[in-house]
Structures are given as structure tokens and as C-alpha cells.
N, C-alpha and C. Protein backbone atom coordinates (compact mmCIF):
# COMPACT_ATOMS: atom_id res chain seq x y z
N MET A 1 85.97 81.17 99.33
CA MET A 1 86.14 82.24 100.25
C MET A 1 85.37 83.01 100.90
N TYR A 2 85.31 82.86 102.34
CA TYR A 2 84.29 83.74 102.71
C TYR A 2 84.20 85.04 102.42
N GLY A 3 82.97 85.82 102.56
CA GLY A 3 82.90 87.14 102.33
C GLY A 3 83.10 87.41 101.10
N THR A 4 82.94 86.70 100.31
CA THR A 4 83.07 86.83 98.57
C THR A 4 81.86 86.42 97.46
N VAL A 5 81.75 87.03 96.40
CA VAL A 5 80.41 86.93 95.59
C VAL A 5 81.24 86.44 94.54
N ARG A 6 80.54 85.62 93.57
CA ARG A 6 80.91 85.28 92.04
C ARG A 6 81.71 85.99 91.37
N GLY A 7 82.80 85.59 90.71
CA GLY A 7 83.62 86.55 90.24
C GLY A 7 83.34 86.47 88.66
N LEU A 8 84.53 86.51 88.00
CA LEU A 8 84.46 86.62 86.44
C LEU A 8 83.25 85.62 85.87
N PRO A 9 83.17 85.85 84.62
CA PRO A 9 82.13 84.87 84.14
C PRO A 9 83.04 84.32 82.86
N PRO A 10 82.61 83.15 82.38
CA PRO A 10 83.79 82.12 81.42
C PRO A 10 84.58 83.63 80.46
N GLY A 11 85.29 83.34 80.13
CA GLY A 11 86.27 83.78 79.19
C GLY A 11 87.01 84.82 79.49
N HIS A 12 87.01 85.22 80.54
CA HIS A 12 87.75 86.60 81.00
C HIS A 12 89.22 85.96 81.80
N HIS A 13 89.20 84.75 82.38
CA HIS A 13 90.07 84.04 83.09
C HIS A 13 90.18 82.52 83.10
N TYR A 14 91.60 82.09 83.15
CA TYR A 14 91.15 80.54 82.94
C TYR A 14 91.54 79.74 84.47
N GLY A 15 90.26 79.80 84.88
CA GLY A 15 90.30 79.13 86.47
C GLY A 15 89.05 80.14 87.42
N PRO A 16 89.20 79.39 88.45
CA PRO A 16 87.95 80.04 89.27
C PRO A 16 88.54 81.65 89.86
N SER A 17 87.34 82.14 89.93
CA SER A 17 87.70 83.48 90.76
C SER A 17 86.14 83.76 91.67
N THR A 18 86.51 85.13 92.45
CA THR A 18 85.61 85.39 93.11
C THR A 18 86.12 87.03 93.47
N LEU A 19 84.81 87.66 94.10
CA LEU A 19 84.70 88.84 94.08
C LEU A 19 84.47 89.58 95.38
N SER A 20 85.13 90.66 95.74
CA SER A 20 85.18 90.87 97.27
C SER A 20 83.56 91.45 97.24
N LYS A 21 83.06 91.58 98.57
CA LYS A 21 81.81 92.38 97.98
C LYS A 21 81.39 93.71 97.87
N ASP A 22 82.43 94.34 98.21
CA ASP A 22 82.52 95.83 97.79
C ASP A 22 82.68 96.13 96.02
N ARG A 23 83.16 94.67 95.76
CA ARG A 23 83.38 94.51 93.87
C ARG A 23 84.74 95.27 93.89
N ARG A 24 85.86 95.37 94.71
CA ARG A 24 86.96 96.48 94.52
C ARG A 24 88.08 95.46 94.66
N THR A 25 87.95 93.92 94.48
CA THR A 25 89.13 93.13 94.79
C THR A 25 88.68 91.48 93.94
N LEU A 26 89.37 91.60 93.27
CA LEU A 26 89.59 90.05 92.45
C LEU A 26 90.21 89.53 92.85
N TYR A 27 89.82 87.99 93.08
CA TYR A 27 90.45 87.06 93.68
C TYR A 27 90.77 85.76 92.45
N LEU A 28 91.85 85.60 92.39
CA LEU A 28 92.22 84.46 91.25
C LEU A 28 92.51 83.26 91.99
N THR A 29 92.14 81.99 91.86
CA THR A 29 92.66 80.74 92.34
C THR A 29 93.20 80.04 91.55
N LEU A 30 94.44 79.60 92.20
CA LEU A 30 95.47 78.64 90.99
C LEU A 30 95.35 77.30 91.82
N PHE A 31 95.18 76.44 91.09
CA PHE A 31 95.00 75.06 91.87
C PHE A 31 96.73 74.61 91.41
N ASP A 32 97.11 74.83 90.30
CA ASP A 32 98.49 74.25 89.84
C ASP A 32 99.63 75.52 89.94
N ALA A 33 100.98 75.01 90.01
CA ALA A 33 101.78 75.97 90.20
C ALA A 33 101.73 76.69 88.17
N PRO A 34 101.62 77.89 88.55
CA PRO A 34 101.77 78.50 87.00
C PRO A 34 102.79 78.41 86.08
N ARG A 35 102.78 77.94 85.16
CA ARG A 35 103.89 78.11 84.20
C ARG A 35 104.26 78.91 83.43
N ALA A 36 103.15 79.85 82.99
CA ALA A 36 103.68 80.87 82.54
C ALA A 36 102.57 82.17 83.05
N GLU A 37 102.78 83.30 82.32
CA GLU A 37 101.89 84.60 83.12
C GLU A 37 100.49 84.21 83.10
N ILE A 38 99.84 84.62 84.22
CA ILE A 38 98.87 84.79 84.22
C ILE A 38 97.75 85.81 83.90
N ASN A 39 96.88 85.61 82.69
CA ASN A 39 96.30 86.52 82.54
C ASN A 39 94.73 87.09 82.77
N VAL A 40 93.92 87.97 82.76
CA VAL A 40 92.73 88.33 82.69
C VAL A 40 92.24 89.17 81.57
N ARG A 41 91.38 89.30 80.94
CA ARG A 41 91.14 89.56 80.01
C ARG A 41 89.24 90.58 79.95
N GLY A 42 89.70 91.76 79.37
CA GLY A 42 88.28 92.39 79.34
C GLY A 42 87.90 93.14 80.78
N LEU A 43 89.12 93.37 81.58
CA LEU A 43 89.14 94.35 82.74
C LEU A 43 88.72 95.82 82.07
N LEU A 44 88.18 96.50 82.48
CA LEU A 44 87.83 97.84 82.24
C LEU A 44 88.76 98.82 83.55
N ASN A 45 88.73 98.29 84.35
CA ASN A 45 89.26 99.03 85.41
C ASN A 45 90.78 98.83 85.69
N ASP A 46 91.81 100.04 86.13
CA ASP A 46 92.97 99.91 86.13
C ASP A 46 93.10 99.37 87.47
N VAL A 47 94.13 98.53 87.24
CA VAL A 47 94.92 98.05 88.31
C VAL A 47 95.61 98.37 89.53
N ARG A 48 95.59 98.32 90.83
CA ARG A 48 95.78 99.15 91.58
C ARG A 48 97.37 98.12 91.89
N ARG A 49 96.73 97.26 92.39
CA ARG A 49 98.17 96.02 92.75
C ARG A 49 97.92 94.92 92.64
N VAL A 50 98.98 94.05 92.64
CA VAL A 50 98.43 92.35 92.50
C VAL A 50 99.23 91.72 93.68
N SER A 51 98.73 90.98 94.33
CA SER A 51 99.45 90.47 95.21
C SER A 51 99.11 88.72 95.85
N VAL A 52 100.01 88.48 96.51
CA VAL A 52 99.77 86.40 96.81
C VAL A 52 98.86 86.89 98.18
N LEU A 53 97.62 86.20 97.93
CA LEU A 53 96.77 86.21 99.61
C LEU A 53 97.94 85.14 100.41
N GLY A 54 97.87 85.79 101.67
CA GLY A 54 99.06 84.84 102.80
C GLY A 54 99.99 85.45 102.87
N SER A 55 100.87 85.64 101.77
CA SER A 55 102.38 86.03 102.14
C SER A 55 101.85 87.45 102.04
N GLY A 56 101.20 87.79 100.98
CA GLY A 56 101.43 89.23 100.50
C GLY A 56 102.30 89.90 99.44
N THR A 57 103.03 88.98 99.37
CA THR A 57 103.94 89.11 98.10
C THR A 57 103.05 89.73 97.21
N GLU A 58 103.68 91.32 96.69
CA GLU A 58 103.33 91.88 95.64
C GLU A 58 103.76 91.15 94.11
N LEU A 59 103.10 91.27 93.26
CA LEU A 59 103.37 90.88 92.02
C LEU A 59 103.52 91.93 90.77
N PRO A 60 104.41 91.92 89.95
CA PRO A 60 104.30 92.90 88.70
C PRO A 60 102.87 92.48 88.20
N HIS A 61 102.64 93.36 87.14
CA HIS A 61 101.88 93.08 86.23
C HIS A 61 101.74 94.00 85.39
N GLN A 62 101.35 94.26 84.14
CA GLN A 62 101.14 94.86 82.97
C GLN A 62 99.85 94.77 81.98
N VAL A 63 99.46 95.58 81.30
CA VAL A 63 98.60 95.53 80.75
C VAL A 63 98.97 95.80 79.11
N THR A 64 98.49 95.21 78.34
CA THR A 64 98.96 94.75 76.97
C THR A 64 98.13 94.70 75.63
N GLY A 65 98.03 95.78 74.82
CA GLY A 65 96.89 95.60 73.68
C GLY A 65 95.70 96.44 74.08
N GLY A 66 94.73 96.43 73.34
CA GLY A 66 93.49 97.27 73.86
C GLY A 66 93.24 98.11 72.48
N LEU A 67 92.38 98.23 71.87
CA LEU A 67 92.24 99.27 70.65
C LEU A 67 90.78 100.03 71.21
N HIS A 68 90.65 101.45 71.08
CA HIS A 68 89.57 102.17 71.26
C HIS A 68 88.96 101.61 72.57
N GLU A 69 87.28 101.16 72.55
CA GLU A 69 86.68 100.66 73.91
C GLU A 69 87.04 99.32 74.14
N THR A 70 87.78 98.52 73.40
CA THR A 70 88.39 97.17 74.02
C THR A 70 89.21 97.20 75.06
N PRO A 71 89.26 96.92 75.87
CA PRO A 71 90.58 96.91 76.87
C PRO A 71 91.50 95.84 76.59
N GLY A 72 92.63 96.44 76.96
CA GLY A 72 93.73 95.15 76.48
C GLY A 72 93.90 93.89 77.63
N ILE A 73 95.09 93.04 77.89
CA ILE A 73 95.29 92.02 78.51
C ILE A 73 95.82 92.46 80.05
N LEU A 74 95.52 91.95 81.08
CA LEU A 74 95.80 92.05 82.03
C LEU A 74 97.14 90.69 82.16
N TRP A 75 98.37 90.85 82.08
CA TRP A 75 99.33 89.49 82.70
C TRP A 75 100.11 89.82 83.99
N ILE A 76 100.11 88.76 84.42
CA ILE A 76 100.30 89.08 85.97
C ILE A 76 101.65 87.94 85.97
N THR A 77 103.32 88.62 86.56
CA THR A 77 103.91 87.36 87.07
C THR A 77 103.62 86.75 87.80
N PRO A 78 103.96 85.13 87.43
CA PRO A 78 103.66 84.12 88.30
C PRO A 78 104.35 84.07 89.53
N PRO A 79 103.70 83.67 90.94
CA PRO A 79 104.38 83.68 92.00
C PRO A 79 105.70 83.38 92.06
N ALA A 80 106.54 83.62 93.02
CA ALA A 80 107.78 82.71 93.12
C ALA A 80 107.07 81.05 94.10
N ALA A 81 108.01 80.11 93.56
CA ALA A 81 107.64 78.60 94.43
C ALA A 81 107.34 78.89 95.88
N ALA A 82 108.16 79.86 96.44
CA ALA A 82 107.93 79.83 97.86
C ALA A 82 106.80 80.47 98.28
N ASP A 83 105.94 81.08 97.55
CA ASP A 83 104.66 81.64 97.58
C ASP A 83 103.49 81.12 97.28
N LEU A 84 103.77 79.65 96.56
CA LEU A 84 102.92 78.81 96.23
C LEU A 84 102.22 78.00 97.33
N ASP A 85 101.08 78.04 97.46
CA ASP A 85 100.15 77.03 98.51
C ASP A 85 100.35 75.81 97.94
N PRO A 86 100.36 74.34 98.86
CA PRO A 86 100.43 73.18 98.10
C PRO A 86 99.06 72.70 97.58
N HIS A 87 97.83 73.60 98.05
CA HIS A 87 96.43 73.16 97.62
C HIS A 87 96.21 74.14 96.64
N ALA A 88 96.02 75.25 96.94
CA ALA A 88 95.67 76.35 96.45
C ALA A 88 96.09 77.50 96.41
N THR A 89 96.82 78.65 95.67
CA THR A 89 97.01 79.60 95.85
C THR A 89 96.20 80.89 95.21
N VAL A 90 95.97 81.76 95.92
CA VAL A 90 94.98 82.70 95.82
C VAL A 90 95.80 84.17 95.76
N LEU A 91 95.46 84.88 94.27
CA LEU A 91 95.91 86.09 93.86
C LEU A 91 95.03 87.32 94.25
N ALA A 92 95.29 88.43 94.90
CA ALA A 92 94.26 89.25 95.18
C ALA A 92 94.56 90.52 94.20
N VAL A 93 93.64 90.85 93.26
CA VAL A 93 93.99 92.06 92.24
C VAL A 93 92.66 92.69 92.78
N GLU A 94 93.71 94.07 93.24
CA GLU A 94 92.87 95.07 93.91
C GLU A 94 92.83 96.26 92.46
N LEU A 95 91.54 96.61 92.58
CA LEU A 95 91.02 97.66 91.32
C LEU A 95 90.72 98.89 91.93
N ASP A 96 91.16 99.97 90.77
CA ASP A 96 90.88 101.53 91.14
C ASP A 96 89.13 101.74 91.20
N GLY A 97 88.57 100.58 91.31
CA GLY A 97 86.84 101.13 91.74
C GLY A 97 86.03 99.76 91.61
N GLU A 98 85.22 99.42 91.68
CA GLU A 98 84.53 98.25 91.38
C GLU A 98 84.59 97.79 90.20
N LEU A 99 84.17 96.46 90.10
CA LEU A 99 84.48 95.65 88.83
C LEU A 99 83.94 96.35 87.78
N GLU A 100 84.63 96.67 86.72
CA GLU A 100 83.92 96.67 85.24
C GLU A 100 84.52 95.97 84.10
N LEU A 101 83.49 95.00 83.50
CA LEU A 101 84.07 94.10 82.77
C LEU A 101 83.37 94.50 81.30
N TYR A 102 84.36 94.41 79.98
CA TYR A 102 84.10 94.72 78.49
C TYR A 102 83.23 93.13 78.03
N ARG A 103 82.09 93.48 77.69
CA ARG A 103 81.11 92.33 77.45
C ARG A 103 80.92 92.62 76.11
N GLY A 104 81.37 93.70 75.11
CA GLY A 104 80.93 93.73 73.78
C GLY A 104 81.43 92.84 72.85
N GLY A 105 81.11 92.81 71.62
CA GLY A 105 81.55 91.76 70.73
C GLY A 105 82.94 92.29 70.52
N GLY A 106 83.44 91.32 70.01
CA GLY A 106 85.03 91.78 69.28
C GLY A 106 86.14 90.67 69.95
N ARG A 107 87.36 90.75 70.01
CA ARG A 107 88.35 89.89 70.70
C ARG A 107 88.61 90.56 71.38
N PHE A 108 88.65 90.08 72.83
CA PHE A 108 89.80 90.63 74.43
C PHE A 108 90.43 89.78 74.81
């Protein structure tokens, strides 16, 4: 994607990602139709909104788990078939600030 930089390091999301230059929007690329919820691990930010790039459809999301300084897991409801692109579907995850990731020890 034009105007983006490297996204999440390995272990935070299963699949490619990029990040807006202002580091406030994370883009998750899905090459196949998701069969279950999409997850992102280790986000320290609150998520303002998740939407399908192109259609603008907003997707429900929630965070579960987490303990002390270890953040929970972000779960995103998969887009409907009508919102899927035949080549690659991109989800825009709008954050409450610049991307901050948990990189400590322990499970996330």
C-alpha cells in the first residue's frame, strides 16, 4: 500500500500488515476469506474503529484477556462475503494514538 511503512513484527498477527506513516492506523491484509475471527496480539493501544478498506463497512471488535502489563487479544469479526475483495481484503484498524506494542516476556 502506498504511503505506509512496515507493520507488525512476527507473532502479533497471522498475515501481512502495514502501518500509516503517522502510526495511528494499522492495515491488516487478508488474502483468503477468513473462517474465524481475526486476532491481533500485543496491542497496548485502544482501538477506535475497525473497517474494511474500500467498502468502509465497520466491523465489530473486542479485546479479551490480559493481565497487569500484558495486554489482551484484539478479536475482529470477519467481514461479510459482500465486503471481501477477490484478491486481497484490507482491514483498517484505527488506534487511539501511535502504535504501541507489548514486547515483554510472557504470553500475549
